[in-house]
């Protein structure tokens, strides 16, 4: 049996929220043809991926 550690769930939730927000901004930027929104969304997804890589070995 594994025991979920409370901070792990919080970090996982933050990663998912940041990734979902990034994808939403990317989709909005693509629809509006706004490159700055695309860039902002890409950086949010990159930040979520980096947190995932650093936090979970």
C-alpha atoms as a PDB file:
ATOM      1  CA  UNK A   1       0.000   0.000   0.000  1.00  0.00           C
ATOM      2  CA  UNK A   2       1.315   3.456  -0.876  1.00  0.00           C
ATOM      3  CA  UNK A   3       0.603   6.540   1.152  1.00  0.00           C
ATOM      4  CA  UNK A   4       0.029   9.797  -0.729  1.00  0.00           C
ATOM      5  CA  UNK A   5       2.088  12.570   0.712  1.00  0.00           C
ATOM      6  CA  UNK A   6       0.028  15.754   0.906  1.00  0.00           C
ATOM      7  CA  UNK A   7       2.592  18.124  -0.712  1.00  0.00           C
ATOM      8  CA  UNK A   8       2.923  15.716  -3.652  1.00  0.00           C
ATOM      9  CA  UNK A   9      -0.766  16.121  -4.440  1.00  0.00           C
ATOM     10  CA  UNK A  10      -0.491  19.904  -4.176  1.00  0.00           C
ATOM     11  CA  UNK A  11       2.446  20.074  -6.565  1.00  0.00           C
ATOM     12  CA  UNK A  12       0.740  17.659  -8.967  1.00  0.00           C
ATOM     13  CA  UNK A  13      -2.396  19.828  -8.906  1.00  0.00           C
ATOM     14  CA  UNK A  14      -0.313  22.965  -9.561  1.00  0.00           C
ATOM     15  CA  UNK A  15       1.464  21.294 -12.496  1.00  0.00           C
ATOM     16  CA  UNK A  16      -1.846  20.227 -14.032  1.00  0.00           C
ATOM     17  CA  UNK A  17      -3.359  23.688 -13.509  1.00  0.00           C
ATOM     18  CA  UNK A  18      -0.352  25.434 -15.076  1.00  0.00           C
ATOM     19  CA  UNK A  19      -0.339  23.046 -18.022  1.00  0.00           C
ATOM     20  CA  UNK A  20      -4.090  23.405 -18.589  1.00  0.00           C
ATOM     21  CA  UNK A  21      -3.868  27.186 -18.382  1.00  0.00           C
ATOM     22  CA  UNK A  22      -0.971  27.160 -20.839  1.00  0.00           C
ATOM     23  CA  UNK A  23      -2.870  25.026 -23.323  1.00  0.00           C
ATOM     24  CA  UNK A  24      -5.921  27.272 -22.998  1.00  0.00           C
ATOM     25  CA  UNK A  25      -3.814  30.368 -23.687  1.00  0.00           C
ATOM     26  CA  UNK A  26      -2.181  28.624 -26.671  1.00  0.00           C
ATOM     27  CA  UNK A  27      -5.594  27.764 -28.133  1.00  0.00           C
ATOM     28  CA  UNK A  28      -6.845  31.314 -27.568  1.00  0.00           C
ATOM     29  CA  UNK A  29      -3.723  32.758 -29.169  1.00  0.00           C
ATOM     30  CA  UNK A  30      -4.141  30.486 -32.175  1.00  0.00           C
ATOM     31  CA  UNK A  31      -7.777  31.494 -32.606  1.00  0.00           C
ATOM     32  CA  UNK A  32      -7.019  35.212 -32.259  1.00  0.00           C
ATOM     33  CA  UNK A  33      -3.784  34.923 -34.248  1.00  0.00           C
ATOM     34  CA  UNK A  34      -1.913  36.654 -31.434  1.00  0.00           C
ATOM     35  CA  UNK A  35       1.697  35.524 -31.271  1.00  0.00           C
ATOM     36  CA  UNK A  36       2.242  37.017 -27.823  1.00  0.00           C
ATOM     37  CA  UNK A  37      -0.523  34.790 -26.439  1.00  0.00           C
ATOM     38  CA  UNK A  38       1.006  31.772 -28.144  1.00  0.00           C
ATOM     39  CA  UNK A  39       4.373  32.597 -26.612  1.00  0.00           C
ATOM     40  CA  UNK A  40       2.895  33.096 -23.159  1.00  0.00           C
ATOM     41  CA  UNK A  41       1.090  29.762 -23.365  1.00  0.00           C
ATOM     42  CA  UNK A  42       4.199  27.947 -24.554  1.00  0.00           C
ATOM     43  CA  UNK A  43       6.210  29.353 -21.651  1.00  0.00           C
ATOM     44  CA  UNK A  44       3.516  28.236 -19.199  1.00  0.00           C
ATOM     45  CA  UNK A  45       3.626  24.693 -20.586  1.00  0.00           C
ATOM     46  CA  UNK A  46       7.435  24.722 -20.482  1.00  0.00           C
ATOM     47  CA  UNK A  47       7.311  25.872 -16.844  1.00  0.00           C
ATOM     48  CA  UNK A  48       4.902  23.040 -15.980  1.00  0.00           C
ATOM     49  CA  UNK A  49       7.194  20.518 -17.672  1.00  0.00           C
ATOM     50  CA  UNK A  50      10.262  21.867 -15.878  1.00  0.00           C
ATOM     51  CA  UNK A  51       8.534  21.686 -12.497  1.00  0.00           C
ATOM     52  CA  UNK A  52       7.521  18.110 -13.286  1.00  0.00           C
ATOM     53  CA  UNK A  53      11.091  17.188 -14.269  1.00  0.00           C
ATOM     54  CA  UNK A  54      12.697  18.828 -11.241  1.00  0.00           C
ATOM     55  CA  UNK A  55      10.162  17.791  -8.641  1.00  0.00           C
ATOM     56  CA  UNK A  56       9.708  14.168  -9.733  1.00  0.00           C
ATOM     57  CA  UNK A  57      13.025  12.411 -10.346  1.00  0.00           C
END
